[in-house]
Amino acid sequence: MAAMAMAPMAVQAAQLGGDARSSIPKDVQQIIVVDYRAMQNSPAAMQLKDRVLPPELKRLETALKTSGLKVDQDAETLAFAAFNAPGGAGTRIVGVAQGQFQTQAIMANFAKQKTKPMMIRNNSVYPMGSGGMSVVFLNQTTMVFGDHEAVKAALDARDGLTPNFLQNSDMMNEMAIVDNRAVWSLLDQKGTQTMMKSALGEAAQLADYDTVKNRMRSSRYTMEFTNGVRFNMSVVMSDTITAATVATLMKGVAIMKQTSGSPIEKSAMDETKIDSAAGTLTVDFSSSDGQFASLLGSPLFQSVVK
């Protein structure tokens, strides 16, 4: 559940501007948005990122850091969006960075290195490093990066050739609930089903789980690293009975971990509150920094974030 989450500071928020939102294709499976500067200032967040960041995002992050764009200094907000590629071409991931970028210096460096862009309409798309990644600056404060096809899909969305994230009313409504936090993520129905199956573990093998999962609509989570670690997740179901049923299943999983887990796992379950209301399952977890550091290496944590 905590996969790809990173760390905030108390008063900061990871909000996406209009250009960033319009450059994300509409058919999003998951979007993760973080306060990039705050992430680097939190040891707990960096430990979490090193443990759970998927290979695809590590590849994007590495390309960004080695591109010479000085993102560590200039980026303020970093977003990753997994979306269904047009024409049934699978899933792609696009990155969006917001900050105060030294675009003139960057373009001068591209010219010095004789790096030529590929033009997509009036957009200059530059190769980023040697890993096959590309980057395009929408303006001085917003850049889009990823493999070439993902960047092209982002530009098609931004330029109005294909639907974009602003037209995804369900996720836009969900975003309004969480984007005042420094770290937040939204998942569509398929992403929610996959995440919940992992979280429920053996309980997901029940004969009626397929019926239950089809009533899962979407989910969202946030994480905070001030005064310890706090994780909040909400899973929207189709009805109150399903939300209560899944809450009961998760409580059963928690009881099993309390009886058979390690001391740190038992402590984690003690700090986890599971409930449901108005068709929404909620999970709240909190711990001290020290407890969280110990939990990172536990089998429980690995089973949840794999």
C-alpha atoms as a PDB file:
ATOM      1  CA  MET A   1       0.000   0.000   0.000  1.00  0.00           C
ATOM      2  CA  ALA A   2       2.878   2.328   0.701  1.00  0.00           C
ATOM      3  CA  ALA A   3       4.651   1.599  -2.571  1.00  0.00           C
ATOM      4  CA  MET A   4       6.156   4.653  -4.222  1.00  0.00           C
ATOM      5  CA  ALA A   5       5.108   7.005  -1.421  1.00  0.00           C
ATOM      6  CA  MET A   6       7.628   9.612  -0.327  1.00  0.00           C
ATOM      7  CA  ALA A   7       7.953  12.192   2.410  1.00  0.00           C
ATOM      8  CA  PRO A   8       6.421  15.611   3.132  1.00  0.00           C
ATOM      9  CA  MET A   9       7.001  18.509   5.477  1.00  0.00           C
ATOM     10  CA  ALA A  10       4.206  19.824   7.682  1.00  0.00           C
ATOM     11  CA  VAL A  11       2.970  22.847   5.746  1.00  0.00           C
ATOM     12  CA  GLN A  12       3.858  21.884   2.192  1.00  0.00           C
ATOM     13  CA  ALA A  13       1.519  20.439  -0.412  1.00  0.00           C
ATOM     14  CA  ALA A  14       2.187  18.588  -3.652  1.00  0.00           C
ATOM     15  CA  GLN A  15      -0.258  20.250  -6.003  1.00  0.00           C
ATOM     16  CA  LEU A  16      -0.241  19.973  -9.776  1.00  0.00           C
ATOM     17  CA  GLY A  17      -0.575  23.083 -11.925  1.00  0.00           C
ATOM     18  CA  GLY A  18      -2.777  23.351 -14.995  1.00  0.00           C
ATOM     19  CA  ASP A  19      -0.016  22.487 -17.486  1.00  0.00           C
ATOM     20  CA  ALA A  20       0.972  19.431 -15.473  1.00  0.00           C
ATOM     21  CA  ARG A  21      -2.602  18.171 -15.222  1.00  0.00           C
ATOM     22  CA  SER A  22      -3.325  18.693 -18.911  1.00  0.00           C
ATOM     23  CA  SER A  23      -0.173  16.777 -19.922  1.00  0.00           C
ATOM     24  CA  ILE A  24      -1.326  13.583 -18.180  1.00  0.00           C
ATOM     25  CA  PRO A  25      -3.532  11.369 -20.372  1.00  0.00           C
ATOM     26  CA  LYS A  26      -7.079  10.831 -19.133  1.00  0.00           C
ATOM     27  CA  ASP A  27      -7.009   7.037 -18.728  1.00  0.00           C
ATOM     28  CA  VAL A  28      -4.857   6.978 -15.580  1.00  0.00           C
ATOM     29  CA  GLN A  29      -4.366   3.776 -13.596  1.00  0.00           C
ATOM     30  CA  GLN A  30      -2.349   5.414 -10.830  1.00  0.00           C
ATOM     31  CA  ILE A  31      -0.897   8.835 -10.161  1.00  0.00           C
ATOM     32  CA  ILE A  32       1.628   9.597  -7.419  1.00  0.00           C
ATOM     33  CA  VAL A  33       2.567  13.162  -6.513  1.00  0.00           C
ATOM     34  CA  VAL A  34       5.254  14.133  -4.002  1.00  0.00           C
ATOM     35  CA  ASP A  35       6.968  17.167  -2.591  1.00  0.00           C
ATOM     36  CA  TYR A  36      10.407  16.404  -4.028  1.00  0.00           C
ATOM     37  CA  ARG A  37      12.418  18.766  -1.844  1.00  0.00           C
ATOM     38  CA  ALA A  38      10.821  17.556   1.352  1.00  0.00           C
ATOM     39  CA  MET A  39      11.446  13.949   0.331  1.00  0.00           C
ATOM     40  CA  GLN A  40      15.176  14.564   0.173  1.00  0.00           C
ATOM     41  CA  ASN A  41      15.134  16.100   3.661  1.00  0.00           C
ATOM     42  CA  SER A  42      13.581  13.063   5.345  1.00  0.00           C
ATOM     43  CA  PRO A  43      15.798  10.024   6.122  1.00  0.00           C
ATOM     44  CA  ALA A  44      12.691   7.900   6.781  1.00  0.00           C
ATOM     45  CA  ALA A  45      11.273   8.821   3.373  1.00  0.00           C
ATOM     46  CA  MET A  46      14.503   7.985   1.592  1.00  0.00           C
ATOM     47  CA  GLN A  47      14.639   4.596   3.331  1.00  0.00           C
ATOM     48  CA  LEU A  48      11.075   3.913   2.215  1.00  0.00           C
ATOM     49  CA  LYS A  49      11.799   4.976  -1.361  1.00  0.00           C
ATOM     50  CA  ASP A  50      14.884   2.748  -1.570  1.00  0.00           C
ATOM     51  CA  ARG A  51      12.831  -0.229  -0.388  1.00  0.00           C
ATOM     52  CA  VAL A  52       9.705   0.066  -2.495  1.00  0.00           C
ATOM     53  CA  LEU A  53      10.266   2.275  -5.552  1.00  0.00           C
ATOM     54  CA  PRO A  54       9.422   0.043  -8.556  1.00  0.00           C
ATOM     55  CA  PRO A  55      12.130  -0.537 -11.194  1.00  0.00           C
ATOM     56  CA  GLU A  56      10.242   1.533 -13.777  1.00  0.00           C
ATOM     57  CA  LEU A  57      10.242   4.594 -11.527  1.00  0.00           C
ATOM     58  CA  LYS A  58      13.845   4.050 -10.434  1.00  0.00           C
ATOM     59  CA  ARG A  59      14.775   4.089 -14.116  1.00  0.00           C
ATOM     60  CA  LEU A  60      12.956   7.370 -14.646  1.00  0.00           C
ATOM     61  CA  GLU A  61      14.436   8.920 -11.521  1.00  0.00           C
ATOM     62  CA  THR A  62      17.968   7.829 -12.464  1.00  0.00           C
ATOM     63  CA  ALA A  63      17.599   9.255 -15.970  1.00  0.00           C
ATOM     64  CA  LEU A  64      16.386  12.516 -14.489  1.00  0.00           C
ATOM     65  CA  LYS A  65      19.310  12.793 -12.071  1.00  0.00           C
ATOM     66  CA  THR A  66      21.961  11.910 -14.654  1.00  0.00           C
ATOM     67  CA  SER A  67      20.585  14.156 -17.380  1.00  0.00           C
ATOM     68  CA  GLY A  68      22.464  17.260 -16.263  1.00  0.00           C
ATOM     69  CA  LEU A  69      19.186  19.120 -15.679  1.00  0.00           C
ATOM     70  CA  LYS A  70      19.978  19.746 -11.972  1.00  0.00           C
ATOM     71  CA  VAL A  71      16.573  18.458 -10.954  1.00  0.00           C
ATOM     72  CA  ASP A  72      17.746  17.887  -7.371  1.00  0.00           C
ATOM     73  CA  GLN A  73      18.201  21.640  -7.081  1.00  0.00           C
ATOM     74  CA  ASP A  74      15.312  22.935  -9.169  1.00  0.00           C
ATOM     75  CA  ALA A  75      12.397  20.484  -8.856  1.00  0.00           C
ATOM     76  CA  GLU A  76       9.745  21.202  -6.264  1.00  0.00           C
ATOM     77  CA  THR A  77       7.020  18.697  -7.156  1.00  0.00           C
ATOM     78  CA  LEU A  78       7.428  15.364  -8.904  1.00  0.00           C
ATOM     79  CA  ALA A  79       4.572  13.280 -10.305  1.00  0.00           C
ATOM     80  CA  PHE A  80       4.428   9.864 -11.929  1.00  0.00           C
ATOM     81  CA  ALA A  81       1.348   8.698 -13.811  1.00  0.00           C
ATOM     82  CA  ALA A  82       0.728   5.190 -15.127  1.00  0.00           C
ATOM     83  CA  PHE A  83      -1.836   5.307 -17.920  1.00  0.00           C
ATOM     84  CA  ASN A  84      -3.369   3.058 -20.558  1.00  0.00           C
ATOM     85  CA  ALA A  85      -1.669   3.783 -23.855  1.00  0.00           C
ATOM     86  CA  PRO A  86      -3.930   4.640 -26.810  1.00  0.00           C
ATOM     87  CA  GLY A  87      -4.948   1.779 -29.065  1.00  0.00           C
ATOM     88  CA  GLY A  88      -4.535  -0.900 -26.409  1.00  0.00           C
ATOM     89  CA  ALA A  89      -0.724  -0.634 -26.472  1.00  0.00           C
ATOM     90  CA  GLY A  90      -0.363  -1.515 -22.793  1.00  0.00           C
ATOM     91  CA  THR A  91       0.558   0.693 -19.856  1.00  0.00           C
ATOM     92  CA  ARG A  92       3.066   3.540 -19.948  1.00  0.00           C
ATOM     93  CA  ILE A  93       4.510   5.801 -17.258  1.00  0.00           C
ATOM     94  CA  VAL A  94       5.126   9.509 -17.695  1.00  0.00           C
ATOM     95  CA  GLY A  95       6.866  11.811 -15.253  1.00  0.00           C
ATOM     96  CA  VAL A  96       6.088  15.478 -14.662  1.00  0.00           C
ATOM     97  CA  ALA A  97       8.379  17.812 -12.705  1.00  0.00           C
ATOM     98  CA  GLN A  98       7.460  21.288 -11.488  1.00  0.00           C
ATOM     99  CA  GLY A  99       9.946  23.880 -10.268  1.00  0.00           C
ATOM    100  CA  GLN A 100      11.947  26.893 -11.310  1.00  0.00           C
ATOM    101  CA  PHE A 101      14.083  25.429 -14.086  1.00  0.00           C
ATOM    102  CA  GLN A 102      17.033  27.245 -15.625  1.00  0.00           C
ATOM    103  CA  THR A 103      15.731  26.641 -19.117  1.00  0.00           C
ATOM    104  CA  GLN A 104      18.103  29.043 -20.886  1.00  0.00           C
ATOM    105  CA  ALA A 105      21.140  27.388 -19.332  1.00  0.00           C
ATOM    106  CA  ILE A 106      19.730  23.940 -20.106  1.00  0.00           C
ATOM    107  CA  MET A 107      19.097  24.819 -23.742  1.00  0.00           C
ATOM    108  CA  ALA A 108      22.575  26.329 -24.005  1.00  0.00           C
ATOM    109  CA  ASN A 109      24.027  23.068 -22.683  1.00  0.00           C
ATOM    110  CA  PHE A 110      22.001  21.062 -25.212  1.00  0.00           C
ATOM    111  CA  ALA A 111      23.400  23.291 -27.965  1.00  0.00           C
ATOM    112  CA  LYS A 112      26.947  22.926 -26.629  1.00  0.00           C
ATOM    113  CA  GLN A 113      26.596  19.140 -26.619  1.00  0.00           C
ATOM    114  CA  LYS A 114      25.082  19.315 -30.128  1.00  0.00           C
ATOM    115  CA  THR A 115      21.963  17.588 -28.820  1.00  0.00           C
ATOM    116  CA  LYS A 116      19.212  18.063 -31.363  1.00  0.00           C
ATOM    117  CA  PRO A 117      15.526  17.821 -30.492  1.00  0.00           C
ATOM    118  CA  MET A 118      12.840  15.826 -32.224  1.00  0.00           C
ATOM    119  CA  MET A 119       9.909  18.069 -33.051  1.00  0.00           C
ATOM    120  CA  ILE A 120       6.368  17.022 -32.165  1.00  0.00           C
ATOM    121  CA  ARG A 121       4.302  19.837 -33.648  1.00  0.00           C
ATOM    122  CA  ASN A 122       5.860  22.925 -31.986  1.00  0.00           C
ATOM    123  CA  ASN A 123       7.293  20.961 -29.041  1.00  0.00           C
ATOM    124  CA  SER A 124      11.062  20.326 -28.849  1.00  0.00           C
ATOM    125  CA  VAL A 125      11.641  16.861 -27.364  1.00  0.00           C
ATOM    126  CA  TYR A 126      15.237  16.236 -26.288  1.00  0.00           C
ATOM    127  CA  PRO A 127      16.950  12.913 -25.569  1.00  0.00           C
ATOM    128  CA  MET A 128      17.691  12.597 -21.852  1.00  0.00           C
ATOM    129  CA  GLY A 129      20.865  10.650 -21.128  1.00  0.00           C
ATOM    130  CA  SER A 130      21.714   7.325 -22.767  1.00  0.00           C
ATOM    131  CA  GLY A 131      18.795   5.262 -21.453  1.00  0.00           C
ATOM    132  CA  GLY A 132      16.316   6.045 -24.189  1.00  0.00           C
ATOM    133  CA  MET A 133      14.462   8.685 -22.173  1.00  0.00           C
ATOM    134  CA  SER A 134      13.173  12.004 -23.495  1.00  0.00           C
ATOM    135  CA  VAL A 135      12.294  15.364 -21.937  1.00  0.00           C
ATOM    136  CA  VAL A 136      10.244  18.347 -23.067  1.00  0.00           C
ATOM    137  CA  PHE A 137       9.762  21.688 -21.336  1.00  0.00           C
ATOM    138  CA  LEU A 138       6.170  22.899 -21.472  1.00  0.00           C
ATOM    139  CA  ASN A 139       7.323  26.190 -19.949  1.00  0.00           C
ATOM    140  CA  GLN A 140       9.939  27.399 -17.473  1.00  0.00           C
ATOM    141  CA  THR A 141       8.188  25.708 -14.549  1.00  0.00           C
ATOM    142  CA  THR A 142       6.927  22.397 -15.994  1.00  0.00           C
ATOM    143  CA  MET A 143       8.732  19.566 -17.749  1.00  0.00           C
ATOM    144  CA  VAL A 144       7.549  16.153 -18.928  1.00  0.00           C
ATOM    145  CA  PHE A 145       9.858  13.144 -19.175  1.00  0.00           C
ATOM    146  CA  GLY A 146       9.776   9.404 -19.899  1.00  0.00           C
ATOM    147  CA  ASP A 147      10.219   7.115 -22.875  1.00  0.00           C
ATOM    148  CA  HIS A 148       9.471   8.720 -26.221  1.00  0.00           C
ATOM    149  CA  GLU A 149       6.009   7.193 -26.651  1.00  0.00           C
ATOM    150  CA  ALA A 150       4.950   8.257 -23.157  1.00  0.00           C
ATOM    151  CA  VAL A 151       6.124  11.824 -23.784  1.00  0.00           C
ATOM    152  CA  LYS A 152       4.323  11.883 -27.141  1.00  0.00           C
ATOM    153  CA  ALA A 153       1.110  10.687 -25.451  1.00  0.00           C
ATOM    154  CA  ALA A 154       1.519  13.445 -22.843  1.00  0.00           C
ATOM    155  CA  LEU A 155       1.949  16.107 -25.523  1.00  0.00           C
ATOM    156  CA  ASP A 156      -1.046  14.793 -27.461  1.00  0.00           C
ATOM    157  CA  ALA A 157      -3.100  15.144 -24.264  1.00  0.00           C
ATOM    158  CA  ARG A 158      -1.757  18.631 -23.481  1.00  0.00           C
ATOM    159  CA  ASP A 159      -2.341  19.817 -27.065  1.00  0.00           C
ATOM    160  CA  GLY A 160      -5.936  18.589 -27.080  1.00  0.00           C
ATOM    161  CA  LEU A 161      -5.513  15.758 -29.584  1.00  0.00           C
ATOM    162  CA  THR A 162      -6.518  13.165 -26.979  1.00  0.00           C
ATOM    163  CA  PRO A 163      -8.434  13.460 -23.672  1.00  0.00           C
ATOM    164  CA  ASN A 164      -6.385  14.517 -20.659  1.00  0.00           C
ATOM    165  CA  PHE A 165      -6.520  14.208 -16.878  1.00  0.00           C
ATOM    166  CA  LEU A 166      -8.647  17.334 -16.514  1.00  0.00           C
ATOM    167  CA  GLN A 167     -11.448  15.411 -18.227  1.00  0.00           C
ATOM    168  CA  ASN A 168     -11.258  12.515 -15.763  1.00  0.00           C
ATOM    169  CA  SER A 169     -13.974  13.787 -13.430  1.00  0.00           C
ATOM    170  CA  ASP A 170     -13.758  10.858 -11.007  1.00  0.00           C
ATOM    171  CA  MET A 171     -10.045  11.320 -10.328  1.00  0.00           C
ATOM    172  CA  MET A 172     -10.303  15.097 -10.343  1.00  0.00           C
ATOM    173  CA  ASN A 173     -12.892  14.832  -7.566  1.00  0.00           C
ATOM    174  CA  GLU A 174     -10.672  12.425  -5.634  1.00  0.00           C
ATOM    175  CA  MET A 175      -7.664  14.698  -6.112  1.00  0.00           C
ATOM    176  CA  ALA A 176      -9.491  17.599  -4.482  1.00  0.00           C
ATOM    177  CA  ILE A 177      -9.602  15.543  -1.279  1.00  0.00           C
ATOM    178  CA  VAL A 178      -5.873  14.796  -1.062  1.00  0.00           C
ATOM    179  CA  ASP A 179      -3.848  17.382  -2.983  1.00  0.00           C
ATOM    180  CA  ASN A 180      -3.433  19.566   0.090  1.00  0.00           C
ATOM    181  CA  ARG A 181      -0.982  16.921   1.335  1.00  0.00           C
ATOM    182  CA  ALA A 182       2.659  16.706   0.442  1.00  0.00           C
ATOM    183  CA  VAL A 183       2.352  13.083  -0.705  1.00  0.00           C
ATOM    184  CA  TRP A 184      -0.703  11.576  -2.318  1.00  0.00           C
ATOM    185  CA  SER A 185      -1.720   8.881  -4.745  1.00  0.00           C
ATOM    186  CA  LEU A 186      -4.883   7.907  -6.611  1.00  0.00           C
ATOM    187  CA  LEU A 187      -5.659   4.483  -8.075  1.00  0.00           C
ATOM    188  CA  ASP A 188      -8.382   3.438 -10.508  1.00  0.00           C
ATOM    189  CA  GLN A 189     -10.495   0.307 -10.086  1.00  0.00           C
ATOM    190  CA  LYS A 190      -7.919  -2.125 -11.490  1.00  0.00           C
ATOM    191  CA  GLY A 191      -5.091  -0.638  -9.453  1.00  0.00           C
ATOM    192  CA  THR A 192      -7.244  -0.718  -6.333  1.00  0.00           C
ATOM    193  CA  GLN A 193      -8.097  -4.390  -6.869  1.00  0.00           C
ATOM    194  CA  THR A 194      -4.431  -5.323  -7.273  1.00  0.00           C
ATOM    195  CA  MET A 195      -3.377  -3.359  -4.195  1.00  0.00           C
ATOM    196  CA  MET A 196      -6.166  -4.798  -2.025  1.00  0.00           C
ATOM    197  CA  LYS A 197      -5.408  -8.368  -3.089  1.00  0.00           C
ATOM    198  CA  SER A 198      -1.843  -7.906  -1.889  1.00  0.00           C
ATOM    199  CA  ALA A 199      -2.961  -6.249   1.345  1.00  0.00           C
ATOM    200  CA  LEU A 200      -5.492  -8.993   2.149  1.00  0.00           C
ATOM    201  CA  GLY A 201      -3.034 -11.816   1.474  1.00  0.00           C
ATOM    202  CA  GLU A 202      -4.560 -15.238   2.118  1.00  0.00           C
ATOM    203  CA  ALA A 203      -7.961 -13.672   2.805  1.00  0.00           C
ATOM    204  CA  ALA A 204      -8.118 -12.766  -0.883  1.00  0.00           C
ATOM    205  CA  GLN A 205      -8.278 -16.478  -1.729  1.00  0.00           C
ATOM    206  CA  LEU A 206     -11.809 -16.709  -0.379  1.00  0.00           C
ATOM    207  CA  ALA A 207     -14.332 -18.051  -2.892  1.00  0.00           C
ATOM    208  CA  ASP A 208     -16.341 -14.828  -3.010  1.00  0.00           C
ATOM    209  CA  TYR A 209     -13.395 -12.451  -3.345  1.00  0.00           C
ATOM    210  CA  ASP A 210     -14.011 -11.930  -7.081  1.00  0.00           C
ATOM    211  CA  THR A 211     -17.489 -10.669  -6.267  1.00  0.00           C
ATOM    212  CA  VAL A 212     -16.097  -8.356  -3.589  1.00  0.00           C
ATOM    213  CA  LYS A 213     -13.284  -6.972  -5.730  1.00  0.00           C
ATOM    214  CA  ASN A 214     -15.676  -6.062  -8.538  1.00  0.00           C
ATOM    215  CA  ARG A 215     -17.376  -3.693  -6.104  1.00  0.00           C
ATOM    216  CA  MET A 216     -14.161  -1.792  -5.448  1.00  0.00           C
ATOM    217  CA  ARG A 217     -14.281   1.508  -7.326  1.00  0.00           C
ATOM    218  CA  SER A 218     -11.126   3.504  -6.559  1.00  0.00           C
ATOM    219  CA  SER A 219      -8.711   4.339  -3.767  1.00  0.00           C
ATOM    220  CA  ARG A 220      -6.439   7.074  -2.513  1.00  0.00           C
ATOM    221  CA  TYR A 221      -3.665   7.307   0.058  1.00  0.00           C
ATOM    222  CA  THR A 222      -1.451   9.887   1.701  1.00  0.00           C
ATOM    223  CA  MET A 223       1.682   9.651   3.830  1.00  0.00           C
ATOM    224  CA  GLU A 224       3.225  12.083   6.291  1.00  0.00           C
ATOM    225  CA  PHE A 225       6.607  11.950   8.005  1.00  0.00           C
ATOM    226  CA  THR A 226       6.234  14.728  10.560  1.00  0.00           C
ATOM    227  CA  ASN A 227       6.136  13.642  14.201  1.00  0.00           C
ATOM    228  CA  GLY A 228       6.680  10.052  13.168  1.00  0.00           C
ATOM    229  CA  VAL A 229       5.101   8.270  10.198  1.00  0.00           C
ATOM    230  CA  ARG A 230       1.412   8.321   9.297  1.00  0.00           C
ATOM    231  CA  PHE A 231      -0.338   6.505   6.466  1.00  0.00           C
ATOM    232  CA  ASN A 232      -3.989   7.056   5.511  1.00  0.00           C
ATOM    233  CA  MET A 233      -5.850   5.071   2.882  1.00  0.00           C
ATOM    234  CA  SER A 234      -9.455   5.202   1.660  1.00  0.00           C
ATOM    235  CA  VAL A 235     -10.995   2.614  -0.652  1.00  0.00           C
ATOM    236  CA  VAL A 236     -14.285   3.588  -2.277  1.00  0.00           C
ATOM    237  CA  MET A 237     -16.737   0.674  -2.639  1.00  0.00           C
ATOM    238  CA  SER A 238     -20.017   0.434  -4.493  1.00  0.00           C
ATOM    239  CA  ASP A 239     -22.035   0.045  -1.276  1.00  0.00           C
ATOM    240  CA  THR A 240     -21.802   0.142   2.506  1.00  0.00           C
ATOM    241  CA  ILE A 241     -22.135  -3.647   2.923  1.00  0.00           C
ATOM    242  CA  THR A 242     -19.082  -4.343   0.742  1.00  0.00           C
ATOM    243  CA  ALA A 243     -17.046  -1.719   2.590  1.00  0.00           C
ATOM    244  CA  ALA A 244     -17.983  -3.306   5.932  1.00  0.00           C
ATOM    245  CA  THR A 245     -17.198  -6.803   4.584  1.00  0.00           C
ATOM    246  CA  VAL A 246     -13.730  -5.862   3.401  1.00  0.00           C
ATOM    247  CA  ALA A 247     -13.072  -3.995   6.659  1.00  0.00           C
ATOM    248  CA  THR A 248     -13.935  -7.211   8.537  1.00  0.00           C
ATOM    249  CA  LEU A 249     -11.572  -9.211   6.307  1.00  0.00           C
ATOM    250  CA  MET A 250      -8.754  -6.747   6.932  1.00  0.00           C
ATOM    251  CA  LYS A 251      -9.389  -6.796  10.672  1.00  0.00           C
ATOM    252  CA  GLY A 252      -9.089 -10.579  10.523  1.00  0.00           C
ATOM    253  CA  VAL A 253      -5.741 -10.268   8.752  1.00  0.00           C
ATOM    254  CA  ALA A 254      -4.592  -7.816  11.440  1.00  0.00           C
ATOM    255  CA  ILE A 255      -5.596 -10.237  14.223  1.00  0.00           C
ATOM    256  CA  MET A 256      -3.629 -13.050  12.561  1.00  0.00           C
ATOM    257  CA  LYS A 257      -0.549 -10.814  12.335  1.00  0.00           C
ATOM    258  CA  GLN A 258      -0.962  -9.852  15.985  1.00  0.00           C
ATOM    259  CA  THR A 259      -0.896 -13.502  17.029  1.00  0.00           C
ATOM    260  CA  SER A 260       1.765 -14.846  14.673  1.00  0.00           C
ATOM    261  CA  GLY A 261       3.946 -11.897  13.695  1.00  0.00           C
ATOM    262  CA  SER A 262       7.202 -10.577  15.109  1.00  0.00           C
ATOM    263  CA  PRO A 263       7.118  -8.036  17.970  1.00  0.00           C
ATOM    264  CA  ILE A 264       7.516  -5.120  15.532  1.00  0.00           C
ATOM    265  CA  GLU A 265       4.712  -6.498  13.336  1.00  0.00           C
ATOM    266  CA  LYS A 266       2.439  -6.899  16.350  1.00  0.00           C
ATOM    267  CA  SER A 267       3.204  -3.318  17.325  1.00  0.00           C
ATOM    268  CA  ALA A 268       2.368  -2.146  13.788  1.00  0.00           C
ATOM    269  CA  MET A 269      -1.010  -3.889  13.944  1.00  0.00           C
ATOM    270  CA  ASP A 270      -1.703  -2.213  17.282  1.00  0.00           C
ATOM    271  CA  GLU A 271      -1.192   1.164  15.593  1.00  0.00           C
ATOM    272  CA  THR A 272      -3.428   0.327  12.613  1.00  0.00           C
ATOM    273  CA  LYS A 273      -7.073   1.385  12.671  1.00  0.00           C
ATOM    274  CA  ILE A 274      -9.483  -0.175  10.164  1.00  0.00           C
ATOM    275  CA  ASP A 275     -13.029   1.068   9.719  1.00  0.00           C
ATOM    276  CA  SER A 276     -15.759   1.725   7.152  1.00  0.00           C
ATOM    277  CA  ALA A 277     -18.404   4.400   6.687  1.00  0.00           C
ATOM    278  CA  ALA A 278     -20.676   5.509   3.844  1.00  0.00           C
ATOM    279  CA  GLY A 279     -19.306   2.878   1.475  1.00  0.00           C
ATOM    280  CA  THR A 280     -15.642   3.725   2.083  1.00  0.00           C
ATOM    281  CA  LEU A 281     -13.054   1.523   3.786  1.00  0.00           C
ATOM    282  CA  THR A 282     -10.442   3.473   5.762  1.00  0.00           C
ATOM    283  CA  VAL A 283      -7.058   2.372   7.059  1.00  0.00           C
ATOM    284  CA  ASP A 284      -4.947   4.587   9.325  1.00  0.00           C
ATOM    285  CA  PHE A 285      -1.463   3.668  10.504  1.00  0.00           C
ATOM    286  CA  SER A 286       1.002   5.632  12.608  1.00  0.00           C
ATOM    287  CA  SER A 287       4.348   4.892  14.235  1.00  0.00           C
ATOM    288  CA  SER A 288       7.496   6.534  15.512  1.00  0.00           C
ATOM    289  CA  ASP A 289      10.470   6.954  13.180  1.00  0.00           C
ATOM    290  CA  GLY A 290      12.322   4.174  15.012  1.00  0.00           C
ATOM    291  CA  GLN A 291       9.436   1.727  14.773  1.00  0.00           C
ATOM    292  CA  PHE A 292       9.017   2.475  11.096  1.00  0.00           C
ATOM    293  CA  ALA A 293      12.717   1.862  10.393  1.00  0.00           C
ATOM    294  CA  SER A 294      12.412  -1.570  12.006  1.00  0.00           C
ATOM    295  CA  LEU A 295       9.190  -2.339  10.148  1.00  0.00           C
ATOM    296  CA  LEU A 296      10.840  -1.684   6.766  1.00  0.00           C
ATOM    297  CA  GLY A 297      12.813  -4.925   7.060  1.00  0.00           C
ATOM    298  CA  SER A 298       9.968  -7.088   8.341  1.00  0.00           C
ATOM    299  CA  PRO A 299       8.208  -9.842   6.323  1.00  0.00           C
ATOM    300  CA  LEU A 300       4.903  -8.020   6.943  1.00  0.00           C
ATOM    301  CA  PHE A 301       6.100  -4.861   5.224  1.00  0.00           C
ATOM    302  CA  GLN A 302       7.554  -6.805   2.313  1.00  0.00           C
ATOM    303  CA  SER A 303       4.274  -8.702   1.793  1.00  0.00           C
ATOM    304  CA  VAL A 304       2.283  -5.461   1.719  1.00  0.00           C
ATOM    305  CA  VAL A 305       4.439  -3.516  -0.743  1.00  0.00           C
ATOM    306  CA  LYS A 306       5.573  -6.278  -3.100  1.00  0.00           C
END
